Amino acid sequence: MPKAGCDELIKELFKENKIQPPIFCEIADNQTIIAIVENELGVSIVPELVLQGGARTNAASVAMKESCYRTIGLAVHSLDRRSPAADAFIQLAKKSIS
């Protein structure tokens, strides 16, 4: 089970669908989760971006029937007085979610 990120969303999906999977461990590092799956030690649910982020994997992936999203927020001291670096980061974040 992923930890420190999407775990609460996944647990809520399980609860809504009355699923009680046999969870034997919770791991925060996505690459460790992928390694466990690649070595046929279990299955997991990870965000799509983890698999698109350049991670090379021999594990098969299947899209879930039910969509699951989370909200990510960005905070700056002032939108009017943000630095060029903060502005570039905001633009990059907007581009990556569209």
PDB file of N, CA and C in Angstrom:
ATOM      1  N   MET A   1       0.850  -1.167   0.000  1.00  0.00           N
ATOM      2  CA  MET A   1       0.000   0.000   0.000  1.00  0.00           C
ATOM      3  C   MET A   1       0.897   1.232   0.000  1.00  0.00           C
ATOM      4  N   PRO A   2       0.671   2.150  -0.935  1.00  0.00           N
ATOM      5  CA  PRO A   2       1.435   3.398  -0.890  1.00  0.00           C
ATOM      6  C   PRO A   2       1.152   4.141   0.413  1.00  0.00           C
ATOM      7  N   LYS A   3       2.116   4.895   0.843  1.00  0.00           N
ATOM      8  CA  LYS A   3       1.977   5.669   2.078  1.00  0.00           C
ATOM      9  C   LYS A   3       2.443   7.097   1.798  1.00  0.00           C
ATOM     10  N   ALA A   4       1.980   8.013   2.569  1.00  0.00           N
ATOM     11  CA  ALA A   4       2.421   9.414   2.469  1.00  0.00           C
ATOM     12  C   ALA A   4       2.089  10.023   1.116  1.00  0.00           C
ATOM     13  N   GLY A   5       0.844  10.055   0.799  1.00  0.00           N
ATOM     14  CA  GLY A   5       0.433  10.678  -0.460  1.00  0.00           C
ATOM     15  C   GLY A   5      -0.975  10.276  -0.831  1.00  0.00           C
ATOM     16  N   CYS A   6      -1.070   9.223  -1.612  1.00  0.00           N
ATOM     17  CA  CYS A   6      -2.383   8.817  -2.117  1.00  0.00           C
ATOM     18  C   CYS A   6      -3.035   7.719  -1.285  1.00  0.00           C
ATOM     19  N   ASP A   7      -2.417   7.319  -0.193  1.00  0.00           N
ATOM     20  CA  ASP A   7      -2.940   6.195   0.585  1.00  0.00           C
ATOM     21  C   ASP A   7      -4.353   6.443   1.113  1.00  0.00           C
ATOM     22  N   GLU A   8      -4.635   7.648   1.551  1.00  0.00           N
ATOM     23  CA  GLU A   8      -5.982   7.923   2.081  1.00  0.00           C
ATOM     24  C   GLU A   8      -7.038   7.830   0.983  1.00  0.00           C
ATOM     25  N   LEU A   9      -6.703   8.294  -0.222  1.00  0.00           N
ATOM     26  CA  LEU A   9      -7.636   8.184  -1.350  1.00  0.00           C
ATOM     27  C   LEU A   9      -7.916   6.725  -1.688  1.00  0.00           C
ATOM     28  N   ILE A  10      -6.878   5.916  -1.693  1.00  0.00           N
ATOM     29  CA  ILE A  10      -7.032   4.498  -2.022  1.00  0.00           C
ATOM     30  C   ILE A  10      -7.847   3.790  -0.950  1.00  0.00           C
ATOM     31  N   LYS A  11      -7.551   4.074   0.315  1.00  0.00           N
ATOM     32  CA  LYS A  11      -8.312   3.448   1.404  1.00  0.00           C
ATOM     33  C   LYS A  11      -9.785   3.829   1.330  1.00  0.00           C
ATOM     34  N   GLU A  12     -10.069   5.069   0.946  1.00  0.00           N
ATOM     35  CA  GLU A  12     -11.461   5.508   0.802  1.00  0.00           C
ATOM     36  C   GLU A  12     -12.146   4.777  -0.352  1.00  0.00           C
ATOM     37  N   LEU A  13     -11.430   4.584  -1.450  1.00  0.00           N
ATOM     38  CA  LEU A  13     -11.985   3.807  -2.571  1.00  0.00           C
ATOM     39  C   LEU A  13     -12.290   2.374  -2.144  1.00  0.00           C
ATOM     40  N   PHE A  14     -11.383   1.768  -1.397  1.00  0.00           N
ATOM     41  CA  PHE A  14     -11.622   0.414  -0.894  1.00  0.00           C
ATOM     42  C   PHE A  14     -12.880   0.387  -0.020  1.00  0.00           C
ATOM     43  N   LYS A  15     -12.980   1.359   0.877  1.00  0.00           N
ATOM     44  CA  LYS A  15     -14.114   1.416   1.795  1.00  0.00           C
ATOM     45  C   LYS A  15     -15.428   1.591   1.031  1.00  0.00           C
ATOM     46  N   GLU A  16     -15.460   2.531   0.075  1.00  0.00           N
ATOM     47  CA  GLU A  16     -16.663   2.779  -0.721  1.00  0.00           C
ATOM     48  C   GLU A  16     -17.114   1.544  -1.496  1.00  0.00           C
ATOM     49  N   ASN A  17     -16.147   0.740  -1.922  1.00  0.00           N
ATOM     50  CA  ASN A  17     -16.448  -0.446  -2.725  1.00  0.00           C
ATOM     51  C   ASN A  17     -16.447  -1.737  -1.910  1.00  0.00           C
ATOM     52  N   LYS A  18     -16.409  -1.589  -0.583  1.00  0.00           N
ATOM     53  CA  LYS A  18     -16.438  -2.726   0.340  1.00  0.00           C
ATOM     54  C   LYS A  18     -15.364  -3.769   0.014  1.00  0.00           C
ATOM     55  N   ILE A  19     -14.155  -3.269  -0.193  1.00  0.00           N
ATOM     56  CA  ILE A  19     -13.004  -4.123  -0.488  1.00  0.00           C
ATOM     57  C   ILE A  19     -12.068  -4.093   0.705  1.00  0.00           C
ATOM     58  N   GLN A  20     -11.639  -5.259   1.144  1.00  0.00           N
ATOM     59  CA  GLN A  20     -10.675  -5.362   2.234  1.00  0.00           C
ATOM     60  C   GLN A  20      -9.474  -6.180   1.753  1.00  0.00           C
ATOM     61  N   PRO A  21      -8.548  -5.523   1.051  1.00  0.00           N
ATOM     62  CA  PRO A  21      -7.397  -6.266   0.521  1.00  0.00           C
ATOM     63  C   PRO A  21      -6.444  -6.675   1.635  1.00  0.00           C
ATOM     64  N   PRO A  22      -5.707  -7.750   1.425  1.00  0.00           N
ATOM     65  CA  PRO A  22      -4.717  -8.166   2.427  1.00  0.00           C
ATOM     66  C   PRO A  22      -3.451  -7.311   2.306  1.00  0.00           C
ATOM     67  N   ILE A  23      -3.392  -6.236   3.049  1.00  0.00           N
ATOM     68  CA  ILE A  23      -2.246  -5.321   2.991  1.00  0.00           C
ATOM     69  C   ILE A  23      -1.159  -5.854   3.925  1.00  0.00           C
ATOM     70  N   PHE A  24       0.023  -6.160   3.353  1.00  0.00           N
ATOM     71  CA  PHE A  24       1.085  -6.697   4.205  1.00  0.00           C
ATOM     72  C   PHE A  24       2.152  -5.667   4.537  1.00  0.00           C
ATOM     73  N   CYS A  25       2.148  -4.525   3.833  1.00  0.00           N
ATOM     74  CA  CYS A  25       3.080  -3.459   4.203  1.00  0.00           C
ATOM     75  C   CYS A  25       2.644  -2.150   3.551  1.00  0.00           C
ATOM     76  N   GLU A  26       3.120  -1.045   4.129  1.00  0.00           N
ATOM     77  CA  GLU A  26       2.880   0.279   3.590  1.00  0.00           C
ATOM     78  C   GLU A  26       4.240   0.913   3.333  1.00  0.00           C
ATOM     79  N   ILE A  27       4.421   1.440   2.120  1.00  0.00           N
ATOM     80  CA  ILE A  27       5.727   1.955   1.704  1.00  0.00           C
ATOM     81  C   ILE A  27       5.557   3.347   1.115  1.00  0.00           C
ATOM     82  N   ALA A  28       6.425   4.277   1.502  1.00  0.00           N
ATOM     83  CA  ALA A  28       6.341   5.650   1.013  1.00  0.00           C
ATOM     84  C   ALA A  28       7.074   5.845  -0.314  1.00  0.00           C
ATOM     85  N   ASP A  29       8.084   5.053  -0.593  1.00  0.00           N
ATOM     86  CA  ASP A  29       8.905   5.253  -1.790  1.00  0.00           C
ATOM     87  C   ASP A  29       8.319   4.510  -2.991  1.00  0.00           C
ATOM     88  N   ASN A  30       7.968   5.247  -4.038  1.00  0.00           N
ATOM     89  CA  ASN A  30       7.347   4.645  -5.215  1.00  0.00           C
ATOM     90  C   ASN A  30       8.250   3.644  -5.924  1.00  0.00           C
ATOM     91  N   GLN A  31       9.538   3.902  -5.973  1.00  0.00           N
ATOM     92  CA  GLN A  31      10.451   2.977  -6.645  1.00  0.00           C
ATOM     93  C   GLN A  31      10.527   1.636  -5.898  1.00  0.00           C
ATOM     94  N   THR A  32      10.414   1.670  -4.581  1.00  0.00           N
ATOM     95  CA  THR A  32      10.382   0.437  -3.796  1.00  0.00           C
ATOM     96  C   THR A  32       9.099  -0.342  -4.094  1.00  0.00           C
ATOM     97  N   ILE A  33       7.985   0.373  -4.185  1.00  0.00           N
ATOM     98  CA  ILE A  33       6.720  -0.283  -4.520  1.00  0.00           C
ATOM     99  C   ILE A  33       6.832  -0.967  -5.879  1.00  0.00           C
ATOM    100  N   ILE A  34       7.382  -0.263  -6.872  1.00  0.00           N
ATOM    101  CA  ILE A  34       7.537  -0.843  -8.205  1.00  0.00           C
ATOM    102  C   ILE A  34       8.438  -2.066  -8.159  1.00  0.00           C
ATOM    103  N   ALA A  35       9.521  -2.012  -7.386  1.00  0.00           N
ATOM    104  CA  ALA A  35      10.431  -3.159  -7.274  1.00  0.00           C
ATOM    105  C   ALA A  35       9.723  -4.369  -6.662  1.00  0.00           C
ATOM    106  N   ILE A  36       8.887  -4.138  -5.663  1.00  0.00           N
ATOM    107  CA  ILE A  36       8.133  -5.236  -5.046  1.00  0.00           C
ATOM    108  C   ILE A  36       7.209  -5.876  -6.073  1.00  0.00           C
ATOM    109  N   VAL A  37       6.532  -5.055  -6.859  1.00  0.00           N
ATOM    110  CA  VAL A  37       5.625  -5.574  -7.886  1.00  0.00           C
ATOM    111  C   VAL A  37       6.412  -6.311  -8.964  1.00  0.00           C
ATOM    112  N   GLU A  38       7.523  -5.732  -9.412  1.00  0.00           N
ATOM    113  CA  GLU A  38       8.350  -6.375 -10.449  1.00  0.00           C
ATOM    114  C   GLU A  38       8.860  -7.745 -10.005  1.00  0.00           C
ATOM    115  N   ASN A  39       9.111  -7.884  -8.716  1.00  0.00           N
ATOM    116  CA  ASN A  39       9.614  -9.156  -8.192  1.00  0.00           C
ATOM    117  C   ASN A  39       8.500 -10.094  -7.744  1.00  0.00           C
ATOM    118  N   GLU A  40       7.268  -9.767  -8.181  1.00  0.00           N
ATOM    119  CA  GLU A  40       6.098 -10.608  -7.940  1.00  0.00           C
ATOM    120  C   GLU A  40       5.836 -10.876  -6.457  1.00  0.00           C
ATOM    121  N   LEU A  41       6.106  -9.845  -5.634  1.00  0.00           N
ATOM    122  CA  LEU A  41       5.865  -9.961  -4.202  1.00  0.00           C
ATOM    123  C   LEU A  41       4.548  -9.311  -3.790  1.00  0.00           C
ATOM    124  N   GLY A  42       3.855  -8.707  -4.751  1.00  0.00           N
ATOM    125  CA  GLY A  42       2.582  -8.075  -4.455  1.00  0.00           C
ATOM    126  C   GLY A  42       2.099  -7.232  -5.611  1.00  0.00           C
ATOM    127  N   VAL A  43       0.984  -6.581  -5.401  1.00  0.00           N
ATOM    128  CA  VAL A  43       0.416  -5.630  -6.352  1.00  0.00           C
ATOM    129  C   VAL A  43       0.174  -4.322  -5.611  1.00  0.00           C
ATOM    130  N   SER A  44       0.016  -3.241  -6.347  1.00  0.00           N
ATOM    131  CA  SER A  44      -0.198  -1.956  -5.691  1.00  0.00           C
ATOM    132  C   SER A  44      -0.963  -1.014  -6.599  1.00  0.00           C
ATOM    133  N   ILE A  45      -1.396   0.073  -6.030  1.00  0.00           N
ATOM    134  CA  ILE A  45      -2.008   1.176  -6.767  1.00  0.00           C
ATOM    135  C   ILE A  45      -1.101   2.379  -6.565  1.00  0.00           C
ATOM    136  N   VAL A  46      -0.644   2.946  -7.678  1.00  0.00           N
ATOM    137  CA  VAL A  46       0.207   4.128  -7.615  1.00  0.00           C
ATOM    138  C   VAL A  46      -0.340   5.181  -8.568  1.00  0.00           C
ATOM    139  N   PRO A  47      -0.023   6.448  -8.336  1.00  0.00           N
ATOM    140  CA  PRO A  47      -0.469   7.488  -9.264  1.00  0.00           C
ATOM    141  C   PRO A  47       0.108   7.272 -10.663  1.00  0.00           C
ATOM    142  N   GLU A  48      -0.675   7.632 -11.664  1.00  0.00           N
ATOM    143  CA  GLU A  48      -0.248   7.486 -13.051  1.00  0.00           C
ATOM    144  C   GLU A  48       1.065   8.218 -13.320  1.00  0.00           C
ATOM    145  N   LEU A  49       1.263   9.355 -12.674  1.00  0.00           N
ATOM    146  CA  LEU A  49       2.491  10.127 -12.880  1.00  0.00           C
ATOM    147  C   LEU A  49       3.741   9.368 -12.459  1.00  0.00           C
ATOM    148  N   VAL A  50       3.606   8.461 -11.505  1.00  0.00           N
ATOM    149  CA  VAL A  50       4.753   7.655 -11.066  1.00  0.00           C
ATOM    150  C   VAL A  50       5.250   6.796 -12.222  1.00  0.00           C
ATOM    151  N   LEU A  51       4.323   6.243 -12.983  1.00  0.00           N
ATOM    152  CA  LEU A  51       4.696   5.389 -14.102  1.00  0.00           C
ATOM    153  C   LEU A  51       5.126   6.188 -15.324  1.00  0.00           C
ATOM    154  N   GLN A  52       4.690   7.427 -15.443  1.00  0.00           N
ATOM    155  CA  GLN A  52       5.059   8.282 -16.569  1.00  0.00           C
ATOM    156  C   GLN A  52       6.333   9.063 -16.297  1.00  0.00           C
ATOM    157  N   GLY A  53       6.761   9.099 -15.053  1.00  0.00           N
ATOM    158  CA  GLY A  53       7.878   9.952 -14.663  1.00  0.00           C
ATOM    159  C   GLY A  53       9.246   9.424 -15.003  1.00  0.00           C
ATOM    160  N   GLY A  54       9.356   8.572 -16.002  1.00  0.00           N
ATOM    161  CA  GLY A  54      10.657   8.060 -16.401  1.00  0.00           C
ATOM    162  C   GLY A  54      11.070   6.807 -15.655  1.00  0.00           C
ATOM    163  N   ALA A  55      10.207   6.302 -14.787  1.00  0.00           N
ATOM    164  CA  ALA A  55      10.530   5.073 -14.073  1.00  0.00           C
ATOM    165  C   ALA A  55      10.447   3.906 -15.044  1.00  0.00           C
ATOM    166  N   ARG A  56      11.526   3.199 -15.204  1.00  0.00           N
ATOM    167  CA  ARG A  56      11.525   2.016 -16.063  1.00  0.00           C
ATOM    168  C   ARG A  56      11.017   0.852 -15.245  1.00  0.00           C
ATOM    169  N   THR A  57      10.041   0.178 -15.780  1.00  0.00           N
ATOM    170  CA  THR A  57       9.474  -0.922 -15.031  1.00  0.00           C
ATOM    171  C   THR A  57       9.086  -2.068 -15.946  1.00  0.00           C
ATOM    172  N   ASN A  58       9.241  -3.267 -15.436  1.00  0.00           N
ATOM    173  CA  ASN A  58       8.786  -4.457 -16.144  1.00  0.00           C
ATOM    174  C   ASN A  58       7.413  -4.881 -15.640  1.00  0.00           C
ATOM    175  N   ALA A  59       6.874  -4.131 -14.721  1.00  0.00           N
ATOM    176  CA  ALA A  59       5.558  -4.452 -14.167  1.00  0.00           C
ATOM    177  C   ALA A  59       4.481  -4.007 -15.141  1.00  0.00           C
ATOM    178  N   ALA A  60       3.437  -4.805 -15.247  1.00  0.00           N
ATOM    179  CA  ALA A  60       2.291  -4.428 -16.079  1.00  0.00           C
ATOM    180  C   ALA A  60       1.447  -3.422 -15.320  1.00  0.00           C
ATOM    181  N   SER A  61       0.808  -2.520 -16.058  1.00  0.00           N
ATOM    182  CA  SER A  61      -0.079  -1.563 -15.405  1.00  0.00           C
ATOM    183  C   SER A  61      -1.452  -1.618 -16.063  1.00  0.00           C
ATOM    184  N   VAL A  62      -2.453  -1.394 -15.246  1.00  0.00           N
ATOM    185  CA  VAL A  62      -3.839  -1.404 -15.695  1.00  0.00           C
ATOM    186  C   VAL A  62      -4.511  -0.166 -15.123  1.00  0.00           C
ATOM    187  N   ALA A  63      -5.243   0.562 -15.963  1.00  0.00           N
ATOM    188  CA  ALA A  63      -5.953   1.739 -15.477  1.00  0.00           C
ATOM    189  C   ALA A  63      -7.151   1.304 -14.649  1.00  0.00           C
ATOM    190  N   MET A  64      -7.430   2.054 -13.596  1.00  0.00           N
ATOM    191  CA  MET A  64      -8.594   1.761 -12.765  1.00  0.00           C
ATOM    192  C   MET A  64      -9.855   2.209 -13.486  1.00  0.00           C
ATOM    193  N   LYS A  65     -10.950   1.509 -13.257  1.00  0.00           N
ATOM    194  CA  LYS A  65     -12.230   1.907 -13.845  1.00  0.00           C
ATOM    195  C   LYS A  65     -12.710   3.217 -13.247  1.00  0.00           C
ATOM    196  N   GLU A  66     -12.503   3.375 -11.964  1.00  0.00           N
ATOM    197  CA  GLU A  66     -12.962   4.561 -11.252  1.00  0.00           C
ATOM    198  C   GLU A  66     -11.823   5.567 -11.163  1.00  0.00           C
ATOM    199  N   SER A  67     -12.100   6.805 -11.560  1.00  0.00           N
ATOM    200  CA  SER A  67     -11.086   7.850 -11.486  1.00  0.00           C
ATOM    201  C   SER A  67     -10.903   8.303 -10.039  1.00  0.00           C
ATOM    202  N   CYS A  68      -9.686   8.625  -9.721  1.00  0.00           N
ATOM    203  CA  CYS A  68      -9.361   9.069  -8.374  1.00  0.00           C
ATOM    204  C   CYS A  68      -8.384  10.231  -8.505  1.00  0.00           C
ATOM    205  N   TYR A  69      -8.746  11.385  -7.966  1.00  0.00           N
ATOM    206  CA  TYR A  69      -7.917  12.569  -8.100  1.00  0.00           C
ATOM    207  C   TYR A  69      -7.645  13.179  -6.733  1.00  0.00           C
ATOM    208  N   ARG A  70      -6.551  13.909  -6.656  1.00  0.00           N
ATOM    209  CA  ARG A  70      -6.259  14.664  -5.447  1.00  0.00           C
ATOM    210  C   ARG A  70      -5.920  16.095  -5.840  1.00  0.00           C
ATOM    211  N   THR A  71      -6.111  16.986  -4.919  1.00  0.00           N
ATOM    212  CA  THR A  71      -5.847  18.392  -5.155  1.00  0.00           C
ATOM    213  C   THR A  71      -4.458  18.739  -4.638  1.00  0.00           C
ATOM    214  N   ILE A  72      -3.716  19.442  -5.450  1.00  0.00           N
ATOM    215  CA  ILE A  72      -2.383  19.888  -5.061  1.00  0.00           C
ATOM    216  C   ILE A  72      -2.400  21.406  -5.079  1.00  0.00           C
ATOM    217  N   GLY A  73      -1.974  22.018  -4.002  1.00  0.00           N
ATOM    218  CA  GLY A  73      -1.980  23.476  -3.920  1.00  0.00           C
ATOM    219  C   GLY A  73      -0.578  24.048  -3.927  1.00  0.00           C
ATOM    220  N   LEU A  74      -0.479  25.262  -4.422  1.00  0.00           N
ATOM    221  CA  LEU A  74       0.778  26.009  -4.395  1.00  0.00           C
ATOM    222  C   LEU A  74       0.544  27.287  -3.590  1.00  0.00           C
ATOM    223  N   ALA A  75       1.501  27.673  -2.802  1.00  0.00           N
ATOM    224  CA  ALA A  75       1.358  28.886  -1.993  1.00  0.00           C
ATOM    225  C   ALA A  75       2.543  29.816  -2.246  1.00  0.00           C
ATOM    226  N   VAL A  76       2.241  31.091  -2.382  1.00  0.00           N
ATOM    227  CA  VAL A  76       3.279  32.123  -2.499  1.00  0.00           C
ATOM    228  C   VAL A  76       2.907  33.264  -1.563  1.00  0.00           C
ATOM    229  N   HIS A  77       3.898  33.989  -1.166  1.00  0.00           N
ATOM    230  CA  HIS A  77       3.652  35.101  -0.240  1.00  0.00           C
ATOM    231  C   HIS A  77       2.746  36.140  -0.881  1.00  0.00           C
ATOM    232  N   SER A  78       3.005  36.455  -2.145  1.00  0.00           N
ATOM    233  CA  SER A  78       2.191  37.447  -2.844  1.00  0.00           C
ATOM    234  C   SER A  78       2.189  37.121  -4.330  1.00  0.00           C
ATOM    235  N   LEU A  79       1.013  36.994  -4.934  1.00  0.00           N
ATOM    236  CA  LEU A  79       0.942  36.758  -6.377  1.00  0.00           C
ATOM    237  C   LEU A  79       1.452  37.959  -7.157  1.00  0.00           C
ATOM    238  N   ASP A  80       1.274  39.148  -6.599  1.00  0.00           N
ATOM    239  CA  ASP A  80       1.709  40.367  -7.282  1.00  0.00           C
ATOM    240  C   ASP A  80       3.226  40.560  -7.237  1.00  0.00           C
ATOM    241  N   ARG A  81       3.875  40.029  -6.197  1.00  0.00           N
ATOM    242  CA  ARG A  81       5.315  40.251  -6.027  1.00  0.00           C
ATOM    243  C   ARG A  81       6.092  38.932  -6.031  1.00  0.00           C
ATOM    244  N   ARG A  82       5.659  37.974  -6.788  1.00  0.00           N
ATOM    245  CA  ARG A  82       6.377  36.686  -6.815  1.00  0.00           C
ATOM    246  C   ARG A  82       7.646  36.804  -7.660  1.00  0.00           C
ATOM    247  N   SER A  83       8.615  35.993  -7.305  1.00  0.00           N
ATOM    248  CA  SER A  83       9.894  36.017  -8.012  1.00  0.00           C
ATOM    249  C   SER A  83       9.747  35.352  -9.379  1.00  0.00           C
ATOM    250  N   PRO A  84      10.681  35.615 -10.289  1.00  0.00           N
ATOM    251  CA  PRO A  84      10.647  34.937 -11.594  1.00  0.00           C
ATOM    252  C   PRO A  84      10.711  33.414 -11.445  1.00  0.00           C
ATOM    253  N   ALA A  85      11.457  32.925 -10.457  1.00  0.00           N
ATOM    254  CA  ALA A  85      11.544  31.479 -10.238  1.00  0.00           C
ATOM    255  C   ALA A  85      10.200  30.919  -9.779  1.00  0.00           C
ATOM    256  N   ALA A  86       9.531  31.628  -8.870  1.00  0.00           N
ATOM    257  CA  ALA A  86       8.213  31.189  -8.412  1.00  0.00           C
ATOM    258  C   ALA A  86       7.218  31.220  -9.564  1.00  0.00           C
ATOM    259  N   ASP A  87       7.282  32.249 -10.397  1.00  0.00           N
ATOM    260  CA  ASP A  87       6.392  32.354 -11.548  1.00  0.00           C
ATOM    261  C   ASP A  87       6.632  31.201 -12.519  1.00  0.00           C
ATOM    262  N   ALA A  88       7.882  30.878 -12.781  1.00  0.00           N
ATOM    263  CA  ALA A  88       8.204  29.760 -13.680  1.00  0.00           C
ATOM    264  C   ALA A  88       7.682  28.440 -13.111  1.00  0.00           C
ATOM    265  N   PHE A  89       7.818  28.269 -11.796  1.00  0.00           N
ATOM    266  CA  PHE A  89       7.324  27.042 -11.171  1.00  0.00           C
ATOM    267  C   PHE A  89       5.803  26.945 -11.284  1.00  0.00           C
ATOM    268  N   ILE A  90       5.119  28.048 -11.065  1.00  0.00           N
ATOM    269  CA  ILE A  90       3.649  28.064 -11.175  1.00  0.00           C
ATOM    270  C   ILE A  90       3.230  27.714 -12.596  1.00  0.00           C
ATOM    271  N   GLN A  91       3.905  28.288 -13.591  1.00  0.00           N
ATOM    272  CA  GLN A  91       3.567  27.994 -14.988  1.00  0.00           C
ATOM    273  C   GLN A  91       3.822  26.519 -15.323  1.00  0.00           C
ATOM    274  N   LEU A  92       4.925  25.982 -14.810  1.00  0.00           N
ATOM    275  CA  LEU A  92       5.234  24.571 -15.037  1.00  0.00           C
ATOM    276  C   LEU A  92       4.178  23.672 -14.390  1.00  0.00           C
ATOM    277  N   ALA A  93       3.764  24.013 -13.183  1.00  0.00           N
ATOM    278  CA  ALA A  93       2.743  23.225 -12.497  1.00  0.00           C
ATOM    279  C   ALA A  93       1.428  23.274 -13.265  1.00  0.00           C
ATOM    280  N   LYS A  94       1.029  24.432 -13.734  1.00  0.00           N
ATOM    281  CA  LYS A  94      -0.211  24.559 -14.511  1.00  0.00           C
ATOM    282  C   LYS A  94      -0.131  23.723 -15.788  1.00  0.00           C
ATOM    283  N   LYS A  95       1.020  23.744 -16.454  1.00  0.00           N
ATOM    284  CA  LYS A  95       1.179  22.992 -17.699  1.00  0.00           C
ATOM    285  C   LYS A  95       1.107  21.492 -17.453  1.00  0.00           C
ATOM    286  N   SER A  96       1.650  21.032 -16.341  1.00  0.00           N
ATOM    287  CA  SER A  96       1.710  19.593 -16.078  1.00  0.00           C
ATOM    288  C   SER A  96       0.345  19.001 -15.712  1.00  0.00           C
ATOM    289  N   ILE A  97      -0.613  19.839 -15.326  1.00  0.00           N
ATOM    290  CA  ILE A  97      -1.935  19.307 -14.975  1.00  0.00           C
ATOM    291  C   ILE A  97      -2.948  19.481 -16.097  1.00  0.00           C
ATOM    292  N   SER A  98      -2.549  20.115 -17.163  1.00  0.00           N
ATOM    293  CA  SER A  98      -3.519  20.314 -18.251  1.00  0.00           C
ATOM    294  C   SER A  98      -3.415  19.240 -19.298  1.00  0.00           C
TER     295      SER A  98
END
